[in-house]
Amino acid sequence: MSTALEQSPNSALATGRFGQRRYLIRKKFFKLFGDAFHIYDDAGNVVFYSKMKAFKLKEDLRVFSSEEMNEEVLSIKARGILDIGATYDVTDSATGQKVGALRRKGLKSILRDEWLILDVNDREVGTIQEDSMVLALVRRLLTNLVPQTFQGKVGETPVFTFRQRFNPIIQKVELDFSLDRGGALDRRLGIAAAVLLCAIEGRQQG
């Protein structure tokens, strides 16, 4: 398995809004069309705002630097229409360059959610998987009563955890990159993965 996503620890992505170790993602309440999420740093500052465009045949999410949506930082677009095994291209909106892609393993995800992390050439470099088969099956029966937990890996190395807080009304998720001390995962792809998990997998928790 390739690890082409590795970046230098001195990269500009290792600082600023993409350089935080932990984030809190909170779904916006009373959103009439589409989904929207605020993403906070440890100090409680909004560092990203994500919005899914409504009434799109192909799912289309955008990540901005604030709720004013004056600066788009990431684009996350599905390649296909209503595909349970969809692939989502992640693009840096400032440069127009593709960062990588995320592919949902559709049939496997019926029982236990699983995603592939792909590099810019669609080579598999990592995985994102729900914590256990038993809990996954329980969640499908009890919906939001059992919060979801995922672990992301590059190769066999854990790089982030995604833990949903128990809250039957408002979706809140803790995203933790503390395991990724060597910078194996491009944080832009990690943020995009978390937004997708909230928007796509979070529907079964609502």
Protein backbone atom coordinates (compact mmCIF):
# COMPACT_ATOMS: atom_id res chain seq x y z
CA MET A 1 0.00 0.00 0.00
CA SER A 2 1.43 3.38 -1.03
CA THR A 3 1.85 6.16 1.53
CA ALA A 4 2.02 8.99 -0.99
CA LEU A 5 0.04 11.30 1.30
CA GLU A 6 2.99 11.98 3.53
CA GLN A 7 3.86 15.65 4.01
CA SER A 8 6.76 17.47 5.58
CA PRO A 9 6.29 18.36 9.27
CA ASN A 10 7.38 21.86 8.24
CA SER A 11 4.57 22.17 5.72
CA ALA A 12 2.31 25.20 6.04
CA LEU A 13 -0.51 22.72 6.63
CA ALA A 14 1.07 21.77 9.96
CA THR A 15 0.19 25.22 11.35
CA GLY A 16 -2.86 27.46 11.42
CA ARG A 17 -6.41 26.21 10.99
CA PHE A 18 -5.28 22.90 9.45
CA GLY A 19 -2.65 22.34 12.12
CA GLN A 20 -4.91 21.70 15.13
CA ARG A 21 -4.71 18.35 16.89
CA ARG A 22 -8.36 18.27 17.91
CA TYR A 23 -11.57 19.67 16.45
CA LEU A 24 -15.23 19.65 17.44
CA ILE A 25 -17.73 19.36 14.60
CA ARG A 26 -21.29 20.49 15.32
CA LYS A 27 -24.19 20.11 12.93
CA LYS A 28 -26.17 23.27 12.43
CA PHE A 29 -29.63 23.02 13.98
CA PHE A 30 -32.76 23.96 11.98
CA LYS A 31 -31.07 23.79 8.58
CA LEU A 32 -33.95 23.57 6.12
CA PHE A 33 -32.14 22.44 2.96
CA GLY A 34 -28.88 20.49 2.90
CA ASP A 35 -26.53 19.99 5.83
CA ALA A 36 -24.18 22.51 7.45
CA PHE A 37 -21.49 22.07 10.10
CA HIS A 38 -19.42 24.37 12.29
CA ILE A 39 -15.91 23.11 13.04
CA TYR A 40 -14.21 24.46 16.18
CA ASP A 41 -10.65 24.29 17.48
CA ASP A 42 -9.74 23.45 21.10
CA ALA A 43 -10.18 27.10 22.10
CA GLY A 44 -13.77 27.17 20.80
CA ASN A 45 -13.02 29.26 17.72
CA VAL A 46 -14.79 28.48 14.44
CA VAL A 47 -12.00 27.46 12.05
CA PHE A 48 -14.17 25.93 9.30
CA TYR A 49 -17.76 26.00 8.15
CA SER A 50 -19.05 23.28 5.83
CA LYS A 51 -22.19 23.33 3.73
CA MET A 52 -23.71 20.68 1.47
CA LYS A 53 -25.38 22.11 -1.61
CA ALA A 54 -29.05 21.11 -1.69
CA PHE A 55 -30.87 19.61 -4.69
CA LYS A 56 -27.70 18.32 -6.36
CA LEU A 57 -27.77 14.98 -8.19
CA LYS A 58 -24.12 14.56 -7.27
CA GLU A 59 -23.37 15.29 -3.62
CA ASP A 60 -21.36 18.49 -3.33
CA LEU A 61 -19.87 19.77 -0.06
CA ARG A 62 -17.80 22.90 0.42
CA VAL A 63 -15.61 23.87 3.35
CA PHE A 64 -15.11 27.57 4.13
CA SER A 65 -12.94 29.45 6.59
CA SER A 66 -16.02 30.96 8.28
CA GLU A 67 -19.82 30.97 8.22
CA GLU A 68 -19.74 34.11 6.04
CA MET A 69 -18.46 31.77 3.25
CA ASN A 70 -16.17 34.46 1.82
CA GLU A 71 -13.23 32.06 1.52
CA GLU A 72 -13.70 28.52 0.23
CA VAL A 73 -10.86 26.22 1.29
CA LEU A 74 -11.97 22.73 0.20
CA SER A 75 -14.34 21.18 -2.32
CA ILE A 76 -15.68 17.64 -1.83
CA LYS A 77 -17.59 16.29 -4.84
CA ALA A 78 -19.05 12.89 -5.63
CA ARG A 79 -18.12 11.44 -9.00
CA GLY A 80 -21.36 9.50 -9.40
CA ILE A 81 -25.07 9.93 -8.78
CA LEU A 82 -26.74 8.22 -5.79
CA ASP A 83 -23.99 5.61 -5.54
CA ILE A 84 -23.63 3.70 -2.25
CA GLY A 85 -19.98 3.07 -3.17
CA ALA A 86 -19.34 6.65 -4.27
CA THR A 87 -15.90 8.20 -4.67
CA TYR A 88 -15.48 11.81 -3.52
CA ASP A 89 -12.72 14.00 -4.95
CA VAL A 90 -11.17 16.45 -2.50
CA THR A 91 -9.76 19.64 -4.03
CA ASP A 92 -7.90 22.57 -2.51
CA SER A 93 -10.14 25.46 -3.57
CA ALA A 94 -7.36 28.06 -3.36
CA THR A 95 -5.02 26.25 -5.76
CA GLY A 96 -7.48 24.09 -7.69
CA GLN A 97 -5.25 21.10 -7.03
CA LYS A 98 -6.65 17.71 -6.13
CA VAL A 99 -5.65 16.59 -2.62
CA GLY A 100 -6.86 13.00 -2.87
CA ALA A 101 -10.13 11.11 -2.77
CA LEU A 102 -12.37 9.17 -0.38
CA ARG A 103 -14.27 6.08 -1.48
CA ARG A 104 -17.10 4.46 0.46
CA LYS A 105 -17.06 0.67 0.41
CA GLY A 106 -20.76 0.46 -0.31
CA LEU A 107 -21.61 -3.22 0.22
CA LYS A 108 -19.36 -3.57 3.27
CA SER A 109 -20.82 -0.38 4.74
CA ILE A 110 -24.30 -1.92 4.86
CA LEU A 111 -23.14 -3.82 7.96
CA ARG A 112 -20.11 -1.80 9.08
CA ASP A 113 -19.07 1.55 7.64
CA GLU A 114 -15.74 1.53 5.84
CA TRP A 115 -13.98 4.03 3.57
CA LEU A 116 -10.78 4.03 1.53
CA ILE A 117 -8.33 6.95 1.52
CA LEU A 118 -6.92 7.47 -1.99
CA ASP A 119 -4.03 9.60 -3.21
CA VAL A 120 -4.19 11.95 -6.22
CA ASN A 121 -3.75 8.97 -8.56
CA ASP A 122 -6.53 6.94 -6.89
CA ARG A 123 -4.09 4.56 -5.22
CA GLU A 124 -5.28 3.23 -1.87
CA VAL A 125 -3.15 4.63 0.95
CA GLY A 126 -5.39 4.22 3.97
CA THR A 127 -8.72 3.23 5.48
CA ILE A 128 -11.42 4.64 7.74
CA GLN A 129 -13.44 2.03 9.62
CA GLU A 130 -16.23 1.92 12.17
CA ASP A 131 -15.00 0.63 15.52
CA SER A 132 -16.64 -2.81 15.70
CA MET A 133 -19.06 -5.04 13.79
CA VAL A 134 -21.19 -5.69 16.88
CA LEU A 135 -21.63 -1.99 17.69
CA ALA A 136 -22.21 -1.20 14.02
CA LEU A 137 -25.12 -3.66 13.91
CA VAL A 138 -26.55 -2.26 17.16
CA ARG A 139 -26.39 1.26 15.71
CA ARG A 140 -28.41 0.20 12.71
CA LEU A 141 -31.15 -0.95 15.07
CA LEU A 142 -31.00 1.82 17.68
CA THR A 143 -29.94 4.75 15.43
CA ASN A 144 -28.71 7.72 17.48
CA LEU A 145 -28.75 5.90 20.82
CA VAL A 146 -25.27 4.44 20.15
CA PRO A 147 -22.79 7.11 18.94
CA GLN A 148 -20.45 6.22 16.09
CA THR A 149 -16.68 5.89 16.39
CA PHE A 150 -14.21 5.56 13.51
CA GLN A 151 -10.44 5.19 13.22
CA GLY A 152 -8.46 6.42 10.24
CA LYS A 153 -5.18 4.77 9.19
CA VAL A 154 -2.48 5.41 6.62
CA GLY A 155 -1.08 1.99 5.86
CA GLU A 156 -1.29 0.28 9.25
CA THR A 157 -0.56 3.47 11.20
CA PRO A 158 -3.50 5.12 13.05
CA VAL A 159 -3.75 8.82 12.16
CA PHE A 160 -7.09 10.02 13.56
CA THR A 161 -10.15 9.09 15.56
CA PHE A 162 -13.69 10.29 14.97
CA ARG A 163 -16.01 9.99 17.97
CA GLN A 164 -19.61 11.08 18.03
CA ARG A 165 -20.84 12.44 21.34
CA PHE A 166 -24.09 11.11 22.70
CA ASN A 167 -26.63 13.76 21.81
CA PRO A 168 -29.99 12.67 20.32
CA ILE A 169 -30.81 16.22 19.17
CA ILE A 170 -27.66 17.87 17.77
CA GLN A 171 -24.88 15.91 16.12
CA LYS A 172 -21.49 16.64 17.73
CA VAL A 173 -18.27 14.87 16.75
CA GLU A 174 -14.76 14.97 18.19
CA LEU A 175 -12.00 14.69 15.58
CA ASP A 176 -8.56 13.90 17.03
CA PHE A 177 -5.32 13.85 15.01
CA SER A 178 -3.08 13.32 18.07
CA LEU A 179 -2.01 9.86 16.83
CA ASP A 180 -0.56 11.36 13.64
CA ARG A 181 2.67 12.70 15.14
CA GLY A 182 4.66 12.19 11.94
CA GLY A 183 2.25 14.00 9.64
CA ALA A 184 1.39 10.90 7.57
CA LEU A 185 -2.02 12.25 6.55
CA ASP A 186 -2.64 15.51 4.72
CA ARG A 187 -4.93 17.33 7.16
CA ARG A 188 -7.02 18.68 4.29
CA LEU A 189 -7.99 15.12 3.47
CA GLY A 190 -8.59 14.39 7.16
CA ILE A 191 -10.94 17.36 7.54
CA ALA A 192 -12.75 16.36 4.34
CA ALA A 193 -13.14 12.80 5.63
CA ALA A 194 -14.67 14.03 8.88
CA VAL A 195 -17.13 16.28 7.04
CA LEU A 196 -18.17 13.35 4.84
CA LEU A 197 -18.60 11.04 7.81
CA CYS A 198 -20.85 13.62 9.46
CA ALA A 199 -22.87 14.27 6.32
CA ILE A 200 -23.12 10.75 4.86
CA GLU A 201 -22.83 8.26 7.72
CA GLY A 202 -24.44 10.66 10.17
CA ARG A 203 -27.77 10.28 8.38
CA GLN A 204 -28.29 6.84 9.87
CA GLN A 205 -27.75 8.38 13.31
CA GLY A 206 -30.45 11.00 12.92
